């Protein structure tokens, strides 16, 4: 089983739990994630392609009366 999390270029990425049999499949999935603001990386492991993603929190929205601790 692949690692759920891995560091690539000093950044933590999470596995999307998909196994893609071709690089093209993985690239299509990566494009979907990137459209939604994720950074992506593709890793080949045992003939399968794994997609790892990460997304930084850029904004915190609080409900009225909420507070950051």
N, C-alpha and C. Protein backbone atom coordinates (compact mmCIF):
# COMPACT_ATOMS: atom_id res chain seq x y z
N UNK A 1 0.85 -1.18 0.00
CA UNK A 1 0.00 0.00 0.00
C UNK A 1 0.90 1.25 0.00
N UNK A 2 0.59 2.20 -0.85
CA UNK A 2 1.38 3.44 -0.90
C UNK A 2 1.26 4.25 0.38
N UNK A 3 2.23 5.12 0.59
CA UNK A 3 2.18 6.04 1.73
C UNK A 3 1.00 6.99 1.56
N UNK A 4 0.27 7.24 2.64
CA UNK A 4 -0.84 8.19 2.59
C UNK A 4 -0.33 9.62 2.43
N UNK A 5 0.86 9.88 2.97
CA UNK A 5 1.47 11.20 2.87
C UNK A 5 2.93 11.03 2.49
N UNK A 6 3.44 12.00 1.73
CA UNK A 6 4.84 11.97 1.36
C UNK A 6 5.34 13.40 1.18
N UNK A 7 6.63 13.59 1.35
CA UNK A 7 7.21 14.91 1.12
C UNK A 7 7.87 14.91 -0.24
N UNK A 8 7.54 15.92 -1.02
CA UNK A 8 8.12 16.10 -2.35
C UNK A 8 8.57 17.55 -2.42
N UNK A 9 9.85 17.74 -2.66
CA UNK A 9 10.39 19.09 -2.71
C UNK A 9 10.20 19.85 -1.42
N UNK A 10 10.22 19.13 -0.29
CA UNK A 10 10.08 19.75 1.02
C UNK A 10 8.64 20.09 1.39
N UNK A 11 7.68 19.69 0.56
CA UNK A 11 6.27 19.97 0.83
C UNK A 11 5.53 18.66 1.07
N UNK A 12 4.57 18.68 1.98
CA UNK A 12 3.78 17.49 2.30
C UNK A 12 2.62 17.35 1.32
N UNK A 13 2.51 16.18 0.70
CA UNK A 13 1.42 15.86 -0.22
C UNK A 13 0.66 14.65 0.31
N UNK A 14 -0.63 14.59 0.03
CA UNK A 14 -1.47 13.46 0.45
C UNK A 14 -1.89 12.67 -0.79
N UNK A 15 -1.85 11.34 -0.67
CA UNK A 15 -2.26 10.44 -1.75
C UNK A 15 -3.77 10.51 -1.90
N UNK A 16 -4.27 10.56 -3.12
CA UNK A 16 -5.72 10.64 -3.35
C UNK A 16 -6.40 9.27 -3.30
N UNK A 17 -5.64 8.23 -3.00
CA UNK A 17 -6.12 6.84 -2.86
C UNK A 17 -6.56 6.22 -4.18
N UNK A 18 -6.13 6.81 -5.29
CA UNK A 18 -6.42 6.23 -6.60
C UNK A 18 -5.19 5.55 -7.15
N UNK A 19 -5.40 4.47 -7.90
CA UNK A 19 -4.33 3.80 -8.63
C UNK A 19 -4.66 3.96 -10.11
N UNK A 20 -3.81 4.59 -10.85
CA UNK A 20 -4.06 4.85 -12.26
C UNK A 20 -3.10 3.99 -13.07
N UNK A 21 -3.64 3.21 -14.00
CA UNK A 21 -2.82 2.26 -14.74
C UNK A 21 -2.00 2.92 -15.84
N UNK A 22 -2.38 4.13 -16.26
CA UNK A 22 -1.59 4.84 -17.26
C UNK A 22 -1.28 6.25 -16.77
N UNK A 23 -0.21 6.79 -17.28
CA UNK A 23 0.17 8.15 -16.91
C UNK A 23 -0.89 9.14 -17.39
N UNK A 24 -1.51 8.86 -18.53
CA UNK A 24 -2.55 9.73 -19.06
C UNK A 24 -3.73 9.85 -18.09
N UNK A 25 -4.14 8.71 -17.51
CA UNK A 25 -5.22 8.73 -16.52
C UNK A 25 -4.85 9.61 -15.33
N UNK A 26 -3.62 9.44 -14.86
CA UNK A 26 -3.15 10.22 -13.72
C UNK A 26 -3.12 11.70 -14.06
N UNK A 27 -2.65 12.04 -15.26
CA UNK A 27 -2.58 13.44 -15.67
C UNK A 27 -3.97 14.06 -15.78
N UNK A 28 -4.95 13.30 -16.25
CA UNK A 28 -6.33 13.80 -16.32
C UNK A 28 -6.85 14.12 -14.92
N UNK A 29 -6.60 13.22 -13.97
CA UNK A 29 -7.05 13.44 -12.59
C UNK A 29 -6.33 14.64 -11.98
N UNK A 30 -5.04 14.76 -12.26
CA UNK A 30 -4.27 15.89 -11.75
C UNK A 30 -4.84 17.21 -12.27
N UNK A 31 -5.24 17.24 -13.52
CA UNK A 31 -5.81 18.46 -14.11
C UNK A 31 -7.09 18.86 -13.38
N UNK A 32 -7.90 17.87 -12.99
CA UNK A 32 -9.13 18.16 -12.23
C UNK A 32 -8.78 18.79 -10.89
N UNK A 33 -7.81 18.21 -10.20
CA UNK A 33 -7.41 18.77 -8.90
C UNK A 33 -6.86 20.18 -9.07
N UNK A 34 -6.03 20.39 -10.08
CA UNK A 34 -5.42 21.70 -10.29
C UNK A 34 -6.46 22.77 -10.60
N UNK A 35 -7.54 22.39 -11.29
CA UNK A 35 -8.66 23.32 -11.54
C UNK A 35 -9.27 23.81 -10.23
N UNK A 36 -9.19 22.96 -9.21
CA UNK A 36 -9.76 23.30 -7.90
C UNK A 36 -8.73 23.88 -6.94
N UNK A 37 -7.59 24.30 -7.46
CA UNK A 37 -6.61 24.99 -6.65
C UNK A 37 -5.60 24.13 -5.92
N UNK A 38 -5.51 22.85 -6.25
CA UNK A 38 -4.56 21.96 -5.60
C UNK A 38 -3.24 21.94 -6.35
N UNK A 39 -2.15 21.74 -5.62
CA UNK A 39 -0.87 21.40 -6.22
C UNK A 39 -0.87 19.89 -6.36
N UNK A 40 -0.29 19.37 -7.43
CA UNK A 40 -0.30 17.92 -7.64
C UNK A 40 1.08 17.41 -8.02
N UNK A 41 1.29 16.13 -7.73
CA UNK A 41 2.50 15.42 -8.14
C UNK A 41 2.10 14.00 -8.52
N UNK A 42 2.77 13.45 -9.51
CA UNK A 42 2.53 12.08 -9.94
C UNK A 42 3.76 11.24 -9.63
N UNK A 43 3.53 10.07 -9.02
CA UNK A 43 4.61 9.17 -8.65
C UNK A 43 4.31 7.79 -9.24
N UNK A 44 5.29 7.20 -9.93
CA UNK A 44 5.12 5.85 -10.43
C UNK A 44 5.64 4.87 -9.39
N UNK A 45 4.81 3.87 -9.08
CA UNK A 45 5.19 2.87 -8.08
C UNK A 45 4.63 1.52 -8.49
N UNK A 46 5.50 0.55 -8.68
CA UNK A 46 5.09 -0.81 -9.06
C UNK A 46 4.19 -0.84 -10.30
N UNK A 47 4.51 -0.03 -11.29
CA UNK A 47 3.74 -0.03 -12.54
C UNK A 47 2.42 0.73 -12.48
N UNK A 48 2.11 1.31 -11.34
CA UNK A 48 0.89 2.11 -11.18
C UNK A 48 1.31 3.57 -11.01
N UNK A 49 0.41 4.47 -11.36
CA UNK A 49 0.67 5.89 -11.18
C UNK A 49 -0.19 6.39 -10.02
N UNK A 50 0.45 7.07 -9.10
CA UNK A 50 -0.21 7.59 -7.91
C UNK A 50 -0.24 9.10 -7.99
N UNK A 51 -1.36 9.68 -7.60
CA UNK A 51 -1.51 11.14 -7.60
C UNK A 51 -1.49 11.62 -6.16
N UNK A 52 -0.61 12.56 -5.89
CA UNK A 52 -0.51 13.20 -4.58
C UNK A 52 -0.91 14.66 -4.73
N UNK A 53 -1.65 15.17 -3.75
CA UNK A 53 -2.15 16.54 -3.82
C UNK A 53 -1.85 17.29 -2.53
N UNK A 54 -1.91 18.61 -2.63
CA UNK A 54 -1.81 19.46 -1.44
C UNK A 54 -2.51 20.76 -1.75
N UNK A 55 -3.07 21.35 -0.73
CA UNK A 55 -3.73 22.64 -0.88
C UNK A 55 -3.49 23.44 0.38
N UNK A 56 -2.97 24.63 0.22
CA UNK A 56 -2.74 25.50 1.36
C UNK A 56 -4.00 26.27 1.69
N UNK A 57 -4.24 26.47 2.97
CA UNK A 57 -5.35 27.31 3.41
C UNK A 57 -4.91 28.75 3.19
N UNK A 58 -5.68 29.47 2.38
CA UNK A 58 -5.32 30.86 2.09
C UNK A 58 -6.28 31.84 2.73
N UNK A 59 -7.41 31.32 3.23
CA UNK A 59 -8.40 32.20 3.85
C UNK A 59 -9.17 31.41 4.90
N UNK A 60 -9.41 32.03 6.03
CA UNK A 60 -10.20 31.43 7.08
C UNK A 60 -11.46 32.28 7.23
N UNK A 61 -12.62 31.65 7.07
CA UNK A 61 -13.88 32.35 7.20
C UNK A 61 -14.56 31.89 8.48
N UNK A 62 -14.88 32.85 9.34
CA UNK A 62 -15.53 32.54 10.61
C UNK A 62 -16.99 32.97 10.56
N UNK A 63 -17.83 32.19 11.22
CA UNK A 63 -19.21 32.60 11.37
C UNK A 63 -19.24 33.78 12.35
N UNK A 64 -20.31 34.54 12.32
CA UNK A 64 -20.44 35.67 13.23
C UNK A 64 -20.27 35.20 14.67
N UNK A 65 -19.44 35.88 15.41
CA UNK A 65 -19.19 35.51 16.81
C UNK A 65 -18.10 34.47 16.96
N UNK A 66 -17.59 33.95 15.86
CA UNK A 66 -16.52 32.95 15.93
C UNK A 66 -15.20 33.60 16.28
N UNK A 67 -14.29 32.82 16.74
CA UNK A 67 -12.99 33.38 17.07
C UNK A 67 -11.88 32.37 16.74
N UNK A 68 -10.72 32.89 16.47
CA UNK A 68 -9.55 32.04 16.25
C UNK A 68 -8.83 31.97 17.59
N UNK A 69 -8.52 30.76 17.99
CA UNK A 69 -7.82 30.56 19.28
C UNK A 69 -6.35 30.48 19.05
